[in-house]
Amino acid sequence: MSILKMSLPNIIGGLTVVAIVSIAGWTWHTYWPQRPDSSIISEPKDGDRVKHIQSLTGWYSENEEESDLWIVVQPVQSPNYHPQPGPITKDKNGTWKAVSYLGKSASENIGEEFNIFLISASPEASKRFSEYLASSADTKKWVGLERLPNGATSLYSIRVFRE
């Protein structure tokens, strides 16, 4: 009985240390998650219902630190590729944020499916995306590209539905 009483403070102290370490570990991984090995779109998720103007977030791998990243939208009913404003601004911690436009307006294309691609672009492909956006803004016609330019590589994709 006396051994149990003598070790009780040690047991409580040990449990306290375990609890502190567990909470610290949870806090670290919740607020400072590890950078993934591959580039991804983390929000929205595959299958989500999205708005006409949709915020996107994700991670980029260390392999993509020197590359331009772009979001490209492809309406499933019209297979052209629509580069979104970019290139994406990358944070130093491996995250990125972007905005995409899905459909012609907030009242059109409701219920339609869209593929959203995270693209790594060579300087030539990035230039082609920028030229397309400038030309479309001038003409006010957003017909999309029939195919991705050479040097554009899809890193990740999701399919979403317009709400």
Protein backbone atom coordinates (compact mmCIF):
# COMPACT_ATOMS: atom_id res chain seq x y z
CA MET A 1 0.00 0.00 0.00
CA SER A 2 2.79 2.46 0.82
CA ILE A 3 4.48 1.80 -2.54
CA LEU A 4 1.26 2.76 -4.33
CA LYS A 5 0.98 5.97 -2.29
CA MET A 6 4.60 6.90 -2.93
CA SER A 7 4.34 6.35 -6.67
CA LEU A 8 0.97 8.10 -7.08
CA PRO A 9 2.57 11.58 -7.50
CA ASN A 10 4.96 10.08 -10.05
CA ILE A 11 2.05 8.48 -11.92
CA ILE A 12 0.10 11.74 -11.94
CA GLY A 13 3.20 13.65 -13.05
CA GLY A 14 3.80 11.13 -15.84
CA LEU A 15 0.21 11.34 -17.04
CA THR A 16 0.45 15.13 -17.06
CA VAL A 17 3.55 14.98 -19.26
CA VAL A 18 1.84 12.55 -21.64
CA ALA A 19 -1.22 14.84 -21.87
CA ILE A 20 0.91 17.93 -22.57
CA VAL A 21 2.93 16.17 -25.26
CA SER A 22 -0.26 14.83 -26.88
CA ILE A 23 -1.92 18.25 -26.93
CA ALA A 24 1.25 19.89 -28.28
CA GLY A 25 1.49 17.29 -31.04
CA TRP A 26 -2.17 17.74 -32.00
CA THR A 27 -1.78 21.53 -31.99
CA TRP A 28 1.36 21.40 -34.12
CA HIS A 29 -0.20 19.18 -36.81
CA THR A 30 -3.49 21.07 -36.77
CA TYR A 31 -2.02 24.53 -37.23
CA TRP A 32 1.26 23.64 -38.93
CA PRO A 33 0.53 20.54 -41.02
CA GLN A 34 3.33 18.86 -42.90
CA ARG A 35 3.74 19.77 -46.53
CA PRO A 36 2.56 16.93 -48.79
CA ASP A 37 4.84 15.23 -51.30
CA SER A 38 2.55 16.16 -54.18
CA SER A 39 0.64 19.27 -55.25
CA ILE A 40 -3.08 19.18 -54.48
CA ILE A 41 -6.34 21.10 -54.41
CA SER A 42 -7.49 20.85 -50.80
CA GLU A 43 -10.70 22.93 -51.12
CA PRO A 44 -13.15 22.41 -52.66
CA LYS A 45 -13.18 18.62 -52.57
CA ASP A 46 -13.98 16.26 -55.41
CA GLY A 47 -17.78 16.07 -55.77
CA ASP A 48 -18.53 19.33 -53.91
CA ARG A 49 -21.22 21.79 -54.95
CA VAL A 50 -19.62 25.16 -55.74
CA LYS A 51 -20.53 28.75 -56.54
CA HIS A 52 -20.00 30.68 -59.77
CA ILE A 53 -17.06 32.49 -58.13
CA GLN A 54 -15.25 29.90 -56.05
CA SER A 55 -12.23 30.21 -53.76
CA LEU A 56 -9.71 27.39 -53.98
CA THR A 57 -6.86 26.44 -51.68
CA GLY A 58 -4.18 23.82 -51.84
CA TRP A 59 -0.60 22.76 -51.38
CA TYR A 60 2.30 22.65 -53.80
CA SER A 61 5.22 20.28 -53.56
CA GLU A 62 8.84 21.29 -53.33
CA ASN A 63 9.19 20.11 -56.95
CA GLU A 64 6.90 22.98 -58.02
CA GLU A 65 8.64 25.82 -56.20
CA GLU A 66 10.13 27.18 -59.43
CA SER A 67 7.12 26.44 -61.70
CA ASP A 68 4.13 28.60 -62.42
CA LEU A 69 0.91 27.06 -61.13
CA TRP A 70 -2.44 27.74 -62.77
CA ILE A 71 -6.03 26.73 -62.21
CA VAL A 72 -7.77 25.61 -65.39
CA VAL A 73 -11.51 24.92 -65.54
CA GLN A 74 -13.10 22.56 -68.05
CA PRO A 75 -16.89 22.41 -68.32
CA VAL A 76 -17.79 18.73 -68.84
CA GLN A 77 -20.47 19.68 -71.42
CA SER A 78 -17.98 21.83 -73.38
CA PRO A 79 -14.53 20.31 -73.40
CA ASN A 80 -12.52 23.52 -73.86
CA TYR A 81 -10.00 24.51 -71.18
CA HIS A 82 -10.47 27.86 -69.41
CA PRO A 83 -7.35 29.20 -67.67
CA GLN A 84 -8.29 31.17 -64.57
CA PRO A 85 -6.56 34.38 -63.44
CA GLY A 86 -2.97 33.55 -62.66
CA PRO A 87 -0.43 32.36 -62.24
CA ILE A 88 -1.32 31.37 -58.69
CA THR A 89 0.52 33.18 -55.91
CA LYS A 90 2.35 30.62 -53.78
CA ASP A 91 3.03 31.14 -50.09
CA LYS A 92 6.46 30.24 -48.71
CA ASN A 93 4.95 27.54 -46.47
CA GLY A 94 3.80 25.46 -49.47
CA THR A 95 0.19 26.66 -49.69
CA TRP A 96 -1.63 28.54 -52.40
CA LYS A 97 -4.99 30.32 -52.85
CA ALA A 98 -6.86 31.10 -56.04
CA VAL A 99 -10.26 32.10 -57.39
CA SER A 100 -12.06 30.35 -60.23
CA TYR A 101 -15.10 31.23 -62.31
CA LEU A 102 -17.39 28.29 -63.03
CA GLY A 103 -20.01 28.96 -65.69
CA LYS A 104 -21.08 32.09 -67.50
CA SER A 105 -22.80 33.77 -64.55
CA ALA A 106 -24.28 33.16 -61.11
CA SER A 107 -27.66 32.35 -62.70
CA GLU A 108 -26.39 30.14 -65.55
CA ASN A 109 -24.84 26.65 -65.67
CA ILE A 110 -26.46 25.62 -62.38
CA GLY A 111 -26.20 21.87 -61.81
CA GLU A 112 -23.50 21.43 -64.46
CA GLU A 113 -20.26 19.55 -63.86
CA PHE A 114 -16.83 21.13 -64.10
CA ASN A 115 -13.34 19.67 -63.95
CA ILE A 116 -10.84 21.86 -62.10
CA PHE A 117 -7.17 21.22 -62.83
CA LEU A 118 -4.09 22.34 -60.92
CA ILE A 119 -1.55 22.87 -63.69
CA SER A 120 2.22 23.19 -63.59
CA ALA A 121 3.22 25.41 -66.52
CA SER A 122 6.51 25.90 -68.28
CA PRO A 123 7.34 29.54 -69.12
CA GLU A 124 5.95 28.98 -72.65
CA ALA A 125 2.69 27.44 -71.37
CA SER A 126 2.33 30.19 -68.77
CA LYS A 127 2.79 32.78 -71.53
CA ARG A 128 0.07 31.07 -73.60
CA PHE A 129 -2.36 31.15 -70.66
CA SER A 130 -1.63 34.85 -70.07
CA GLU A 131 -2.10 35.64 -73.79
CA TYR A 132 -5.43 33.80 -73.81
CA LEU A 133 -6.67 35.77 -70.77
CA ALA A 134 -5.57 39.11 -72.27
CA SER A 135 -7.16 38.34 -75.64
CA SER A 136 -10.41 37.15 -74.03
CA ALA A 137 -10.60 40.27 -71.88
CA ASP A 138 -10.14 42.45 -75.00
CA THR A 139 -12.82 40.64 -77.04
CA LYS A 140 -15.11 39.82 -74.06
CA LYS A 141 -15.29 36.24 -75.44
CA TRP A 142 -14.19 33.39 -73.19
CA VAL A 143 -14.30 30.41 -75.57
CA GLY A 144 -11.46 28.51 -73.91
CA LEU A 145 -8.52 26.63 -75.40
CA GLU A 146 -9.14 23.47 -77.41
CA ARG A 147 -6.22 21.77 -75.68
CA LEU A 148 -3.69 22.51 -73.00
CA PRO A 149 -0.52 24.07 -74.39
CA ASN A 150 2.73 22.12 -74.57
CA GLY A 151 4.49 22.39 -71.23
CA ALA A 152 1.23 22.36 -69.21
CA THR A 153 1.06 19.35 -66.88
CA SER A 154 -1.94 18.45 -64.76
CA LEU A 155 -0.83 17.85 -61.17
CA TYR A 156 -4.24 17.28 -59.63
CA SER A 157 -7.88 17.47 -60.66
CA ILE A 158 -11.34 17.41 -59.14
CA ARG A 159 -14.88 17.36 -60.53
CA VAL A 160 -17.39 19.73 -58.96
CA PHE A 161 -21.04 20.66 -59.49
CA ARG A 162 -22.40 24.23 -59.77
CA GLU A 163 -25.01 25.12 -57.15
